[in-house]
C-alpha atoms as a PDB file:
ATOM      1  CA  MET A   1     124.848   6.095 141.936  1.00  0.00           C
ATOM      2  CA  ASP A   2     124.262   4.086 145.029  1.00  0.00           C
ATOM      3  CA  GLU A   3     120.972   3.783 146.798  1.00  0.00           C
ATOM      4  CA  GLU A   4     121.944   6.138 149.635  1.00  0.00           C
ATOM      5  CA  HIS A   5     122.753   9.038 147.308  1.00  0.00           C
ATOM      6  CA  LEU A   6     119.583   8.419 145.347  1.00  0.00           C
ATOM      7  CA  HIS A   7     117.597   8.537 148.555  1.00  0.00           C
ATOM      8  CA  ASP A   8     119.232  11.855 149.559  1.00  0.00           C
ATOM      9  CA  ASP A   9     118.562  13.416 146.166  1.00  0.00           C
ATOM     10  CA  LEU A  10     114.967  12.355 146.432  1.00  0.00           C
ATOM     11  CA  HIS A  11     114.657  14.111 149.826  1.00  0.00           C
ATOM     12  CA  VAL A  12     116.215  17.300 148.419  1.00  0.00           C
ATOM     13  CA  PHE A  13     113.839  17.252 145.475  1.00  0.00           C
ATOM     14  CA  GLU A  14     110.832  16.704 147.709  1.00  0.00           C
ATOM     15  CA  GLY A  15     112.022  19.489 149.995  1.00  0.00           C
ATOM     16  CA  ARG A  16     112.330  21.936 147.106  1.00  0.00           C
ATOM     17  CA  ASN A  17     108.956  20.902 145.770  1.00  0.00           C
ATOM     18  CA  PHE A  18     107.362  21.400 149.184  1.00  0.00           C
ATOM     19  CA  PHE A  19     109.009  24.827 149.512  1.00  0.00           C
ATOM     20  CA  GLN A  20     107.769  25.856 146.068  1.00  0.00           C
ATOM     21  CA  GLN A  21     104.236  24.732 146.928  1.00  0.00           C
ATOM     22  CA  ARG A  22     104.302  26.704 150.166  1.00  0.00           C
ATOM     23  CA  LEU A  23     105.650  29.745 148.307  1.00  0.00           C
ATOM     24  CA  ARG A  24     102.858  29.497 145.743  1.00  0.00           C
ATOM     25  CA  SER A  25     100.320  29.181 148.576  1.00  0.00           C
ATOM     26  CA  PHE A  26     101.660  32.298 150.304  1.00  0.00           C
ATOM     27  CA  PHE A  27     101.721  34.158 147.008  1.00  0.00           C
ATOM     28  CA  THR A  28      98.099  33.156 146.356  1.00  0.00           C
ATOM     29  CA  VAL A  29      97.034  34.301 149.838  1.00  0.00           C
ATOM     30  CA  TYR A  30      98.815  37.659 149.454  1.00  0.00           C
ATOM     31  CA  LEU A  31      97.310  38.093 146.018  1.00  0.00           C
ATOM     32  CA  ILE A  32      93.804  37.497 147.415  1.00  0.00           C
ATOM     33  CA  LEU A  33      94.442  39.916 150.304  1.00  0.00           C
ATOM     34  CA  ALA A  34      95.714  42.547 147.887  1.00  0.00           C
ATOM     35  CA  PHE A  35      92.619  42.057 145.746  1.00  0.00           C
ATOM     36  CA  TYR A  36      90.300  42.521 148.753  1.00  0.00           C
ATOM     37  CA  LEU A  37      92.240  45.594 149.870  1.00  0.00           C
ATOM     38  CA  LEU A  38      91.919  47.099 146.409  1.00  0.00           C
ATOM     39  CA  LEU A  39      88.199  46.269 146.424  1.00  0.00           C
ATOM     40  CA  LEU A  40      87.766  48.009 149.797  1.00  0.00           C
ATOM     41  CA  ILE A  41      89.585  51.096 148.531  1.00  0.00           C
ATOM     42  CA  ILE A  42      87.345  51.208 145.455  1.00  0.00           C
ATOM     43  CA  LEU A  43      84.175  50.815 147.575  1.00  0.00           C
ATOM     44  CA  PHE A  44      85.315  53.527 149.991  1.00  0.00           C
ATOM     45  CA  THR A  45      86.101  55.890 147.122  1.00  0.00           C
ATOM     46  CA  VAL A  46      82.715  55.299 145.481  1.00  0.00           C
ATOM     47  CA  SER A  47      80.868  55.752 148.783  1.00  0.00           C
ATOM     48  CA  PHE A  48      82.749  58.974 149.560  1.00  0.00           C
ATOM     49  CA  SER A  49      81.999  60.321 146.084  1.00  0.00           C
ATOM     50  CA  ARG A  50      78.285  59.591 146.508  1.00  0.00           C
ATOM     51  CA  VAL A  51      78.177  61.257 149.939  1.00  0.00           C
ATOM     52  CA  SER A  52      79.945  64.312 148.540  1.00  0.00           C
ATOM     53  CA  ALA A  53      77.523  64.478 145.622  1.00  0.00           C
ATOM     54  CA  VAL A  54      74.479  64.243 147.911  1.00  0.00           C
ATOM     55  CA  SER A  55      75.930  66.895 150.221  1.00  0.00           C
ATOM     56  CA  SER A  56      76.543  69.221 147.285  1.00  0.00           C
ATOM     57  CA  LYS A  57      72.966  68.777 146.068  1.00  0.00           C
ATOM     58  CA  LEU A  58      71.590  69.522 149.536  1.00  0.00           C
ATOM     59  CA  ASN A  59      73.680  72.661 149.745  1.00  0.00           C
ATOM     60  CA  GLU A  60      72.416  73.749 146.334  1.00  0.00           C
ATOM     61  CA  VAL A  61      68.791  73.192 147.353  1.00  0.00           C
ATOM     62  CA  HIS A  62      69.161  74.742 150.833  1.00  0.00           C
ATOM     63  CA  PRO A  63      72.203  77.062 150.787  1.00  0.00           C
ATOM     64  CA  GLU A  64      70.792  79.013 153.721  1.00  0.00           C
ATOM     65  CA  ARG A  65      71.291  76.008 155.983  1.00  0.00           C
ATOM     66  CA  LYS A  66      74.989  76.787 156.077  1.00  0.00           C
ATOM     67  CA  GLN A  67      74.125  79.820 158.165  1.00  0.00           C
ATOM     68  CA  ASN A  68      71.484  78.120 160.290  1.00  0.00           C
ATOM     69  CA  PHE A  69      72.120  77.239 163.868  1.00  0.00           C
ATOM     70  CA  SER A  70      70.831  74.477 166.096  1.00  0.00           C
ATOM     71  CA  GLY A  71      67.424  74.421 167.740  1.00  0.00           C
ATOM     72  CA  ARG A  72      69.070  74.864 171.111  1.00  0.00           C
ATOM     73  CA  ASP A  73      70.918  77.978 169.902  1.00  0.00           C
ATOM     74  CA  PHE A  74      67.672  79.332 168.479  1.00  0.00           C
ATOM     75  CA  LEU A  75      65.987  78.992 171.867  1.00  0.00           C
ATOM     76  CA  LEU A  76      68.881  80.764 173.577  1.00  0.00           C
ATOM     77  CA  PHE A  77      69.526  83.367 170.870  1.00  0.00           C
ATOM     78  CA  PRO A  78      66.494  83.661 168.557  1.00  0.00           C
ATOM     79  CA  CYS A  79      67.987  86.773 166.954  1.00  0.00           C
ATOM     80  CA  GLY A  80      71.141  84.845 165.993  1.00  0.00           C
ATOM     81  CA  PRO A  81      74.165  83.532 167.926  1.00  0.00           C
ATOM     82  CA  ARG A  82      76.213  86.484 166.644  1.00  0.00           C
ATOM     83  CA  SER A  83      73.567  89.024 167.677  1.00  0.00           C
ATOM     84  CA  ARG A  84      73.423  88.417 171.392  1.00  0.00           C
ATOM     85  CA  GLU A  85      72.954  92.122 172.099  1.00  0.00           C
ATOM     86  CA  TRP A  86      69.586  91.921 170.319  1.00  0.00           C
ATOM     87  CA  GLU A  87      66.485  91.006 172.330  1.00  0.00           C
ATOM     88  CA  TYR A  88      63.549  89.017 171.024  1.00  0.00           C
ATOM     89  CA  PHE A  89      59.933  90.106 171.414  1.00  0.00           C
ATOM     90  CA  ASP A  90      56.803  89.056 169.520  1.00  0.00           C
ATOM     91  CA  GLY A  91      58.488  87.949 166.296  1.00  0.00           C
ATOM     92  CA  LYS A  92      61.071  90.741 166.050  1.00  0.00           C
ATOM     93  CA  CYS A  93      64.504  91.608 167.407  1.00  0.00           C
ATOM     94  CA  TYR A  94      65.307  94.799 169.320  1.00  0.00           C
ATOM     95  CA  TYR A  95      68.547  96.608 170.035  1.00  0.00           C
ATOM     96  CA  PHE A  96      68.774  99.120 172.894  1.00  0.00           C
ATOM     97  CA  SER A  97      71.791 101.360 172.397  1.00  0.00           C
ATOM     98  CA  LEU A  98      74.384 101.992 175.066  1.00  0.00           C
ATOM     99  CA  THR A  99      75.411 105.385 173.695  1.00  0.00           C
ATOM    100  CA  ARG A 100      73.544 108.646 173.026  1.00  0.00           C
ATOM    101  CA  THR A 101      73.286 110.370 169.679  1.00  0.00           C
ATOM    102  CA  SER A 102      70.960 112.548 167.591  1.00  0.00           C
ATOM    103  CA  TRP A 103      67.799 111.192 165.946  1.00  0.00           C
ATOM    104  CA  HIS A 104      69.255 111.198 162.411  1.00  0.00           C
ATOM    105  CA  LYS A 105      72.476 109.497 163.486  1.00  0.00           C
ATOM    106  CA  ALA A 106      70.452 106.944 165.436  1.00  0.00           C
ATOM    107  CA  LYS A 107      68.364 106.278 162.315  1.00  0.00           C
ATOM    108  CA  ALA A 108      71.545 105.813 160.246  1.00  0.00           C
ATOM    109  CA  GLN A 109      73.124 103.486 162.814  1.00  0.00           C
ATOM    110  CA  CYS A 110      70.020 101.300 162.867  1.00  0.00           C
ATOM    111  CA  GLU A 111      70.118 101.110 159.079  1.00  0.00           C
ATOM    112  CA  GLU A 112      73.780 100.078 159.193  1.00  0.00           C
ATOM    113  CA  MET A 113      72.629  97.118 161.299  1.00  0.00           C
ATOM    114  CA  HIS A 114      69.939  96.286 158.699  1.00  0.00           C
ATOM    115  CA  SER A 115      67.187  97.536 160.979  1.00  0.00           C
ATOM    116  CA  GLN A 116      65.151 100.675 161.671  1.00  0.00           C
ATOM    117  CA  LEU A 117      64.216 102.844 164.608  1.00  0.00           C
ATOM    118  CA  ALA A 118      61.428 101.103 166.524  1.00  0.00           C
ATOM    119  CA  VAL A 119      57.835 101.608 165.465  1.00  0.00           C
ATOM    120  CA  ILE A 120      55.487 101.264 168.439  1.00  0.00           C
ATOM    121  CA  ASN A 121      52.129 100.159 167.064  1.00  0.00           C
ATOM    122  CA  SER A 122      50.655  98.176 169.962  1.00  0.00           C
ATOM    123  CA  TYR A 123      50.257  98.347 173.708  1.00  0.00           C
ATOM    124  CA  ALA A 124      52.215  95.099 174.067  1.00  0.00           C
ATOM    125  CA  LYS A 125      55.239  96.560 172.258  1.00  0.00           C
ATOM    126  CA  GLN A 126      54.875  99.753 174.274  1.00  0.00           C
ATOM    127  CA  ASN A 127      55.053  97.755 177.513  1.00  0.00           C
ATOM    128  CA  PHE A 128      58.105  95.837 176.310  1.00  0.00           C
ATOM    129  CA  ILE A 129      60.006  99.015 175.357  1.00  0.00           C
ATOM    130  CA  MET A 130      58.804 100.882 178.455  1.00  0.00           C
ATOM    131  CA  PHE A 131      60.158  98.137 180.704  1.00  0.00           C
ATOM    132  CA  ARG A 132      63.525  98.069 178.926  1.00  0.00           C
ATOM    133  CA  THR A 133      64.106 101.829 178.721  1.00  0.00           C
ATOM    134  CA  ARG A 134      63.395 102.402 182.450  1.00  0.00           C
ATOM    135  CA  ASN A 135      62.651 106.152 182.302  1.00  0.00           C
ATOM    136  CA  GLU A 136      65.666 106.891 180.064  1.00  0.00           C
ATOM    137  CA  ARG A 137      65.213 108.788 176.798  1.00  0.00           C
ATOM    138  CA  PHE A 138      65.250 106.511 173.739  1.00  0.00           C
ATOM    139  CA  TRP A 139      64.591 107.622 170.162  1.00  0.00           C
ATOM    140  CA  ILE A 140      61.812 105.874 168.252  1.00  0.00           C
ATOM    141  CA  GLY A 141      60.999 106.027 164.547  1.00  0.00           C
ATOM    142  CA  LEU A 142      58.471 108.867 164.724  1.00  0.00           C
ATOM    143  CA  THR A 143      58.903 112.382 163.287  1.00  0.00           C
ATOM    144  CA  ASP A 144      56.990 115.348 161.848  1.00  0.00           C
ATOM    145  CA  GLU A 145      59.967 116.917 160.057  1.00  0.00           C
ATOM    146  CA  ASN A 146      58.240 116.783 156.686  1.00  0.00           C
ATOM    147  CA  SER A 147      55.190 118.724 157.847  1.00  0.00           C
ATOM    148  CA  GLU A 148      54.678 120.252 161.272  1.00  0.00           C
ATOM    149  CA  GLY A 149      52.042 118.393 163.248  1.00  0.00           C
ATOM    150  CA  GLU A 150      51.830 115.586 160.680  1.00  0.00           C
ATOM    151  CA  TRP A 151      53.562 112.798 162.551  1.00  0.00           C
ATOM    152  CA  GLU A 152      54.856 109.874 160.494  1.00  0.00           C
ATOM    153  CA  TRP A 153      56.367 106.495 161.312  1.00  0.00           C
ATOM    154  CA  ILE A 154      59.533 105.779 159.342  1.00  0.00           C
ATOM    155  CA  ASP A 155      58.106 102.519 157.955  1.00  0.00           C
ATOM    156  CA  LYS A 156      54.992 104.393 156.697  1.00  0.00           C
ATOM    157  CA  THR A 157      52.699 102.789 159.287  1.00  0.00           C
ATOM    158  CA  ASP A 158      49.543 104.909 159.409  1.00  0.00           C
ATOM    159  CA  TYR A 159      50.062 107.132 162.446  1.00  0.00           C
ATOM    160  CA  LYS A 160      46.468 108.390 162.542  1.00  0.00           C
ATOM    161  CA  THR A 161      44.909 104.962 162.971  1.00  0.00           C
ATOM    162  CA  THR A 162      47.469 103.237 165.209  1.00  0.00           C
ATOM    163  CA  PHE A 163      48.435 103.195 168.864  1.00  0.00           C
ATOM    164  CA  THR A 164      49.918 106.333 170.509  1.00  0.00           C
ATOM    165  CA  PHE A 165      51.254 106.936 174.005  1.00  0.00           C
ATOM    166  CA  TRP A 166      52.089 110.637 174.254  1.00  0.00           C
ATOM    167  CA  LYS A 167      52.829 112.238 177.619  1.00  0.00           C
ATOM    168  CA  ALA A 168      50.042 114.586 178.725  1.00  0.00           C
ATOM    169  CA  GLY A 169      50.352 117.868 176.819  1.00  0.00           C
ATOM    170  CA  GLU A 170      52.647 116.345 174.158  1.00  0.00           C
ATOM    171  CA  PRO A 171      53.526 116.801 171.388  1.00  0.00           C
ATOM    172  CA  ASN A 172      53.743 120.527 171.999  1.00  0.00           C
ATOM    173  CA  ASN A 173      56.537 121.596 169.613  1.00  0.00           C
ATOM    174  CA  SER A 174      58.113 123.763 172.296  1.00  0.00           C
ATOM    175  CA  GLY A 175      60.506 126.216 170.687  1.00  0.00           C
ATOM    176  CA  SER A 176      58.997 125.440 167.258  1.00  0.00           C
ATOM    177  CA  ASN A 177      61.613 122.819 166.394  1.00  0.00           C
ATOM    178  CA  GLU A 178      60.640 119.635 168.262  1.00  0.00           C
ATOM    179  CA  ASP A 179      60.258 117.325 165.310  1.00  0.00           C
ATOM    180  CA  CYS A 180      61.422 113.953 166.640  1.00  0.00           C
ATOM    181  CA  ALA A 181      59.912 111.635 169.249  1.00  0.00           C
ATOM    182  CA  HIS A 182      61.423 109.581 172.027  1.00  0.00           C
ATOM    183  CA  VAL A 183      60.107 107.522 174.934  1.00  0.00           C
ATOM    184  CA  TRP A 184      60.756 109.016 178.337  1.00  0.00           C
ATOM    185  CA  ILE A 185      59.331 108.823 181.872  1.00  0.00           C
ATOM    186  CA  ALA A 186      57.134 105.738 182.322  1.00  0.00           C
ATOM    187  CA  GLY A 187      57.669 105.051 178.618  1.00  0.00           C
ATOM    188  CA  GLU A 188      55.516 108.000 177.556  1.00  0.00           C
ATOM    189  CA  TRP A 189      56.337 109.717 174.292  1.00  0.00           C
ATOM    190  CA  ASN A 190      57.744 113.234 174.071  1.00  0.00           C
ATOM    191  CA  ASP A 191      58.737 115.427 171.151  1.00  0.00           C
ATOM    192  CA  VAL A 192      62.111 117.165 171.212  1.00  0.00           C
ATOM    193  CA  TYR A 193      64.509 118.755 168.729  1.00  0.00           C
ATOM    194  CA  CYS A 194      66.143 116.115 166.537  1.00  0.00           C
ATOM    195  CA  THR A 195      69.726 117.120 167.377  1.00  0.00           C
ATOM    196  CA  TYR A 196      69.163 116.267 171.021  1.00  0.00           C
ATOM    197  CA  GLU A 197      71.307 113.306 172.063  1.00  0.00           C
ATOM    198  CA  CYS A 198      69.705 110.289 173.697  1.00  0.00           C
ATOM    199  CA  TYR A 199      69.684 106.514 173.406  1.00  0.00           C
ATOM    200  CA  TYR A 200      67.748 104.734 170.651  1.00  0.00           C
ATOM    201  CA  VAL A 201      65.839 101.509 169.927  1.00  0.00           C
ATOM    202  CA  CYS A 202      66.321  99.584 166.677  1.00  0.00           C
ATOM    203  CA  GLU A 203      64.105  96.752 165.462  1.00  0.00           C
ATOM    204  CA  LYS A 204      64.368  94.144 162.720  1.00  0.00           C
ATOM    205  CA  PRO A 205      62.642  90.882 161.684  1.00  0.00           C
ATOM    206  CA  LEU A 206      63.945  87.536 162.865  1.00  0.00           C
ATOM    207  CA  PRO A 207      66.830  86.177 160.738  1.00  0.00           C
ATOM    208  CA  ASN A 208      65.804  83.593 158.149  1.00  0.00           C
END
């Protein structure tokens, strides 16, 4: 073998060796990158699992928060964002019906909405309802059906020791069957037969 061929073979060998070194370098770099990628995936998975676990524990401790709404919504709709027809006053929510019905049906419809016919036990509440009813007839939760002349609030509030706002000369039991009360002109109370159809006022506590 002459010197020229030996020199060429040496160049080929060095070229292959250089290529193999570069290949090993690239392989090493890719291996390191793959390792870091796998490490990132593992860290992300662990972090996500921990966040999910903490969230689950919070929901177990405060399940009612799922139904809570923001402070801004509370200011706009204190009776609940899905109860915009309810009006807030002094710690309770009030519904003023848009249709007329009898006292017993009004009582049942309030109960279907998890509420009761309004019990007026203060001058402040009287003013609030008087302003909203505007001389229309609205049923309230007051009746003497059980015993004539013995008026009772449906929530068992003591009628004899609480606020009243009867119209002058009322209750008079005209016709001997006026056993249910409603607010009327200037918000004054009047007794009338329970099958009479008028609007009604429901009340309920604030949602939790």
